[in-house]
Amino acid sequence: MTALISRETKTFTNSGAIGPYIRVTLSAGVLAIAGATDPGIGVMETRALAADLTGTVRLRRKGDTIRMTAGGAIAQYAKVYPAASGKIDDVASGAALGIALEAASGDGSVIEVLSMDDAIRCVGGQATTVAASDTIVTGLGTLISAVACLDDSP
């Protein structure tokens, strides 16, 4: 493995046994293993036992590299996505978490991932007429916010 590029770890209250390099989220203020539809807040830095009161999480930030546990074989440089049990896979399920910098031979392999944020994008468009049927194609599945600038003399 190469040297990790990472800025932040944070300690959170622990809810049970969680292995190292497993994606985690916060549930009711305590650590929980992230599911297939949850990108999570980061990965466990070390193993947390059920008796441990806290666990250290390497926070996931765009541009950092982070070790993650694969749920199956993953090719080097493939985009990776959330998978069940806090793992990752190259099967698209929601927004990509990052790019595999190493190949994973199968379930349980720990690989380095270049973290990216594929969930938020900015797009733009221009409409020359204003009618109820006008649309601006964004290519986004969900539109969170829109800004309109109107000319005073169309």
C-alpha atoms as a PDB file:
ATOM      1  CA  MET A   1       0.000   0.000   0.000  1.00  0.00           C
ATOM      2  CA  THR A   2       1.080   3.550  -0.569  1.00  0.00           C
ATOM      3  CA  ALA A   3       1.286   6.249   2.090  1.00  0.00           C
ATOM      4  CA  LEU A   4      -2.119   7.634   3.012  1.00  0.00           C
ATOM      5  CA  ILE A   5      -2.994  11.248   2.340  1.00  0.00           C
ATOM      6  CA  SER A   6      -5.389  12.241   5.073  1.00  0.00           C
ATOM      7  CA  ARG A   7      -6.083  15.140   7.362  1.00  0.00           C
ATOM      8  CA  GLU A   8      -8.538  14.177  10.034  1.00  0.00           C
ATOM      9  CA  THR A   9      -9.506  11.533  12.525  1.00  0.00           C
ATOM     10  CA  LYS A  10     -12.173  11.969  15.166  1.00  0.00           C
ATOM     11  CA  THR A  11     -13.252   9.909  18.146  1.00  0.00           C
ATOM     12  CA  PHE A  12     -16.951   9.071  18.549  1.00  0.00           C
ATOM     13  CA  THR A  13     -18.994   7.092  21.059  1.00  0.00           C
ATOM     14  CA  ASN A  14     -18.990   3.439  20.049  1.00  0.00           C
ATOM     15  CA  SER A  15     -22.063   1.175  19.808  1.00  0.00           C
ATOM     16  CA  GLY A  16     -20.453  -2.246  19.343  1.00  0.00           C
ATOM     17  CA  ALA A  17     -17.687  -4.251  17.696  1.00  0.00           C
ATOM     18  CA  ILE A  18     -16.595  -2.698  14.390  1.00  0.00           C
ATOM     19  CA  GLY A  19     -13.572  -3.847  12.390  1.00  0.00           C
ATOM     20  CA  PRO A  20     -10.862  -1.596  10.965  1.00  0.00           C
ATOM     21  CA  TYR A  21     -11.394   0.013   7.524  1.00  0.00           C
ATOM     22  CA  ILE A  22     -15.172  -0.487   7.698  1.00  0.00           C
ATOM     23  CA  ARG A  23     -17.367   2.463   6.646  1.00  0.00           C
ATOM     24  CA  VAL A  24     -19.313   3.934   9.545  1.00  0.00           C
ATOM     25  CA  THR A  25     -22.094   6.428  10.109  1.00  0.00           C
ATOM     26  CA  LEU A  26     -23.653   8.034  13.160  1.00  0.00           C
ATOM     27  CA  SER A  27     -26.939   6.641  14.415  1.00  0.00           C
ATOM     28  CA  ALA A  28     -28.525   8.327  17.440  1.00  0.00           C
ATOM     29  CA  GLY A  29     -25.140   9.913  18.163  1.00  0.00           C
ATOM     30  CA  VAL A  30     -23.088   6.688  18.219  1.00  0.00           C
ATOM     31  CA  LEU A  31     -21.033   4.822  15.624  1.00  0.00           C
ATOM     32  CA  ALA A  32     -22.804   2.243  13.475  1.00  0.00           C
ATOM     33  CA  ILE A  33     -21.748   0.258  10.415  1.00  0.00           C
ATOM     34  CA  ALA A  34     -22.854   2.077   7.239  1.00  0.00           C
ATOM     35  CA  GLY A  35     -25.254   0.261   4.935  1.00  0.00           C
ATOM     36  CA  ALA A  36     -25.291  -0.024   1.157  1.00  0.00           C
ATOM     37  CA  THR A  37     -27.233   3.231   0.713  1.00  0.00           C
ATOM     38  CA  ASP A  38     -25.248   5.296   3.244  1.00  0.00           C
ATOM     39  CA  PRO A  39     -21.933   6.874   2.192  1.00  0.00           C
ATOM     40  CA  GLY A  40     -20.972   7.182   5.867  1.00  0.00           C
ATOM     41  CA  ILE A  41     -18.771   9.716   7.618  1.00  0.00           C
ATOM     42  CA  GLY A  42     -15.534   7.766   7.209  1.00  0.00           C
ATOM     43  CA  VAL A  43     -13.909   4.460   8.118  1.00  0.00           C
ATOM     44  CA  MET A  44     -12.768   2.948  11.386  1.00  0.00           C
ATOM     45  CA  GLU A  45      -9.089   3.659  11.930  1.00  0.00           C
ATOM     46  CA  THR A  46      -8.637   0.618  14.192  1.00  0.00           C
ATOM     47  CA  ARG A  47     -10.798  -2.227  15.480  1.00  0.00           C
ATOM     48  CA  ALA A  48     -13.353  -1.241  18.140  1.00  0.00           C
ATOM     49  CA  LEU A  49     -14.461  -3.979  20.505  1.00  0.00           C
ATOM     50  CA  ALA A  50     -18.003  -4.151  21.888  1.00  0.00           C
ATOM     51  CA  ALA A  51     -16.628  -3.154  25.309  1.00  0.00           C
ATOM     52  CA  ASP A  52     -14.842  -0.061  23.923  1.00  0.00           C
ATOM     53  CA  LEU A  53     -16.597   3.172  24.794  1.00  0.00           C
ATOM     54  CA  THR A  54     -15.194   5.044  21.773  1.00  0.00           C
ATOM     55  CA  GLY A  55     -13.898   4.408  18.272  1.00  0.00           C
ATOM     56  CA  THR A  56     -11.577   6.460  16.067  1.00  0.00           C
ATOM     57  CA  VAL A  57     -12.825   7.299  12.580  1.00  0.00           C
ATOM     58  CA  ARG A  58     -10.718   8.496   9.642  1.00  0.00           C
ATOM     59  CA  LEU A  59     -13.078  11.087   8.177  1.00  0.00           C
ATOM     60  CA  ARG A  60     -13.796  10.864   4.445  1.00  0.00           C
ATOM     61  CA  ARG A  61     -12.825  14.037   2.628  1.00  0.00           C
ATOM     62  CA  LYS A  62     -12.486  14.799  -1.061  1.00  0.00           C
ATOM     63  CA  GLY A  63      -8.857  14.453  -2.166  1.00  0.00           C
ATOM     64  CA  ASP A  64      -7.748  12.299   0.780  1.00  0.00           C
ATOM     65  CA  THR A  65      -6.834   8.656   0.416  1.00  0.00           C
ATOM     66  CA  ILE A  66      -8.389   6.205   2.805  1.00  0.00           C
ATOM     67  CA  ARG A  67      -8.207   2.449   3.371  1.00  0.00           C
ATOM     68  CA  MET A  68     -11.524   0.674   2.876  1.00  0.00           C
ATOM     69  CA  THR A  69     -12.703  -2.935   2.943  1.00  0.00           C
ATOM     70  CA  ALA A  70     -13.938  -4.402  -0.350  1.00  0.00           C
ATOM     71  CA  GLY A  71     -17.105  -6.455  -0.597  1.00  0.00           C
ATOM     72  CA  GLY A  72     -15.834  -8.229  -3.734  1.00  0.00           C
ATOM     73  CA  ALA A  73     -13.166  -8.067  -6.427  1.00  0.00           C
ATOM     74  CA  ILE A  74     -12.461  -4.504  -7.594  1.00  0.00           C
ATOM     75  CA  ALA A  75     -10.206  -3.465 -10.487  1.00  0.00           C
ATOM     76  CA  GLN A  76      -7.526  -0.845  -9.916  1.00  0.00           C
ATOM     77  CA  TYR A  77      -8.782   2.668 -10.856  1.00  0.00           C
ATOM     78  CA  ALA A  78     -12.452   1.612 -10.789  1.00  0.00           C
ATOM     79  CA  LYS A  79     -14.984   3.914  -9.147  1.00  0.00           C
ATOM     80  CA  VAL A  80     -16.162   2.452  -5.831  1.00  0.00           C
ATOM     81  CA  TYR A  81     -19.594   2.720  -4.255  1.00  0.00           C
ATOM     82  CA  PRO A  82     -21.157   1.916  -0.877  1.00  0.00           C
ATOM     83  CA  ALA A  83     -21.887  -1.766  -0.302  1.00  0.00           C
ATOM     84  CA  ALA A  84     -23.515  -3.693   2.555  1.00  0.00           C
ATOM     85  CA  SER A  85     -21.801  -4.203   5.923  1.00  0.00           C
ATOM     86  CA  GLY A  86     -19.704  -1.039   5.667  1.00  0.00           C
ATOM     87  CA  LYS A  87     -17.788  -2.300   2.631  1.00  0.00           C
ATOM     88  CA  ILE A  88     -17.275  -0.937  -0.891  1.00  0.00           C
ATOM     89  CA  ASP A  89     -17.808  -2.397  -4.357  1.00  0.00           C
ATOM     90  CA  ASP A  90     -17.440  -1.332  -7.982  1.00  0.00           C
ATOM     91  CA  VAL A  91     -21.137  -1.992  -8.632  1.00  0.00           C
ATOM     92  CA  ALA A  92     -22.842   1.394  -8.912  1.00  0.00           C
ATOM     93  CA  SER A  93     -25.219   2.107  -6.015  1.00  0.00           C
ATOM     94  CA  GLY A  94     -25.729   5.808  -5.493  1.00  0.00           C
ATOM     95  CA  ALA A  95     -22.919   8.342  -5.628  1.00  0.00           C
ATOM     96  CA  ALA A  96     -19.351   7.103  -6.033  1.00  0.00           C
ATOM     97  CA  LEU A  97     -17.205   7.276  -2.892  1.00  0.00           C
ATOM     98  CA  GLY A  98     -13.908   7.350  -4.739  1.00  0.00           C
ATOM     99  CA  ILE A  99     -11.450   5.620  -7.048  1.00  0.00           C
ATOM    100  CA  ALA A 100      -9.665   2.371  -6.149  1.00  0.00           C
ATOM    101  CA  LEU A 101      -5.926   3.041  -6.204  1.00  0.00           C
ATOM    102  CA  GLU A 102      -5.293  -0.687  -5.802  1.00  0.00           C
ATOM    103  CA  ALA A 103      -7.057  -3.820  -6.998  1.00  0.00           C
ATOM    104  CA  ALA A 104      -9.065  -5.865  -4.493  1.00  0.00           C
ATOM    105  CA  SER A 105      -8.847  -9.635  -4.922  1.00  0.00           C
ATOM    106  CA  GLY A 106     -12.201 -10.248  -3.237  1.00  0.00           C
ATOM    107  CA  ASP A 107     -14.408  -9.832  -0.187  1.00  0.00           C
ATOM    108  CA  GLY A 108     -12.475  -8.556   2.827  1.00  0.00           C
ATOM    109  CA  SER A 109      -9.531  -7.125   0.860  1.00  0.00           C
ATOM    110  CA  VAL A 110      -8.343  -3.770   2.227  1.00  0.00           C
ATOM    111  CA  ILE A 111      -7.433  -1.264  -0.480  1.00  0.00           C
ATOM    112  CA  GLU A 112      -6.529   2.406  -0.708  1.00  0.00           C
ATOM    113  CA  VAL A 113      -9.225   4.643  -2.191  1.00  0.00           C
ATOM    114  CA  LEU A 114      -8.904   8.225  -3.452  1.00  0.00           C
ATOM    115  CA  SER A 115     -11.933   9.876  -1.872  1.00  0.00           C
ATOM    116  CA  MET A 116     -14.145  12.050  -4.037  1.00  0.00           C
ATOM    117  CA  ASP A 117     -17.510  13.676  -3.655  1.00  0.00           C
ATOM    118  CA  ASP A 118     -19.691  12.656  -6.569  1.00  0.00           C
ATOM    119  CA  ALA A 119     -22.858  13.607  -4.733  1.00  0.00           C
ATOM    120  CA  ILE A 120     -22.826  17.390  -5.261  1.00  0.00           C
ATOM    121  CA  ARG A 121     -22.453  18.951  -8.692  1.00  0.00           C
ATOM    122  CA  CYS A 122     -23.047  22.406 -10.099  1.00  0.00           C
ATOM    123  CA  VAL A 123     -24.532  22.717 -13.564  1.00  0.00           C
ATOM    124  CA  GLY A 124     -25.788  25.643 -15.591  1.00  0.00           C
ATOM    125  CA  GLY A 125     -28.038  26.355 -18.505  1.00  0.00           C
ATOM    126  CA  GLN A 126     -29.754  29.158 -20.338  1.00  0.00           C
ATOM    127  CA  ALA A 127     -33.330  29.524 -21.545  1.00  0.00           C
ATOM    128  CA  THR A 128     -34.214  32.152 -24.129  1.00  0.00           C
ATOM    129  CA  THR A 129     -37.986  31.956 -23.705  1.00  0.00           C
ATOM    130  CA  VAL A 130     -40.091  31.837 -20.594  1.00  0.00           C
ATOM    131  CA  ALA A 131     -43.043  29.493 -20.691  1.00  0.00           C
ATOM    132  CA  ALA A 132     -44.456  26.824 -18.407  1.00  0.00           C
ATOM    133  CA  SER A 133     -43.076  24.108 -20.693  1.00  0.00           C
ATOM    134  CA  ASP A 134     -39.470  25.427 -20.825  1.00  0.00           C
ATOM    135  CA  THR A 135     -36.831  23.159 -19.321  1.00  0.00           C
ATOM    136  CA  ILE A 136     -33.101  23.299 -18.790  1.00  0.00           C
ATOM    137  CA  VAL A 137     -31.487  19.866 -18.917  1.00  0.00           C
ATOM    138  CA  THR A 138     -29.093  19.392 -15.986  1.00  0.00           C
ATOM    139  CA  GLY A 139     -28.392  15.664 -16.042  1.00  0.00           C
ATOM    140  CA  LEU A 140     -28.990  15.543 -12.285  1.00  0.00           C
ATOM    141  CA  GLY A 141     -31.175  12.956 -10.605  1.00  0.00           C
ATOM    142  CA  THR A 142     -32.122  15.371  -7.839  1.00  0.00           C
ATOM    143  CA  LEU A 143     -32.098  19.159  -7.955  1.00  0.00           C
ATOM    144  CA  ILE A 144     -31.333  20.665  -4.560  1.00  0.00           C
ATOM    145  CA  SER A 145     -31.215  24.338  -5.466  1.00  0.00           C
ATOM    146  CA  ALA A 146     -31.716  26.620  -8.457  1.00  0.00           C
ATOM    147  CA  VAL A 147     -30.863  30.248  -9.173  1.00  0.00           C
ATOM    148  CA  ALA A 148     -32.596  32.233 -11.904  1.00  0.00           C
ATOM    149  CA  CYS A 149     -31.473  35.568 -13.348  1.00  0.00           C
ATOM    150  CA  LEU A 150     -34.184  37.287 -15.352  1.00  0.00           C
ATOM    151  CA  ASP A 151     -33.572  39.903 -18.019  1.00  0.00           C
ATOM    152  CA  ASP A 152     -35.752  42.993 -17.693  1.00  0.00           C
ATOM    153  CA  SER A 153     -36.606  43.054 -21.399  1.00  0.00           C
ATOM    154  CA  PRO A 154     -37.003  39.603 -22.962  1.00  0.00           C
END
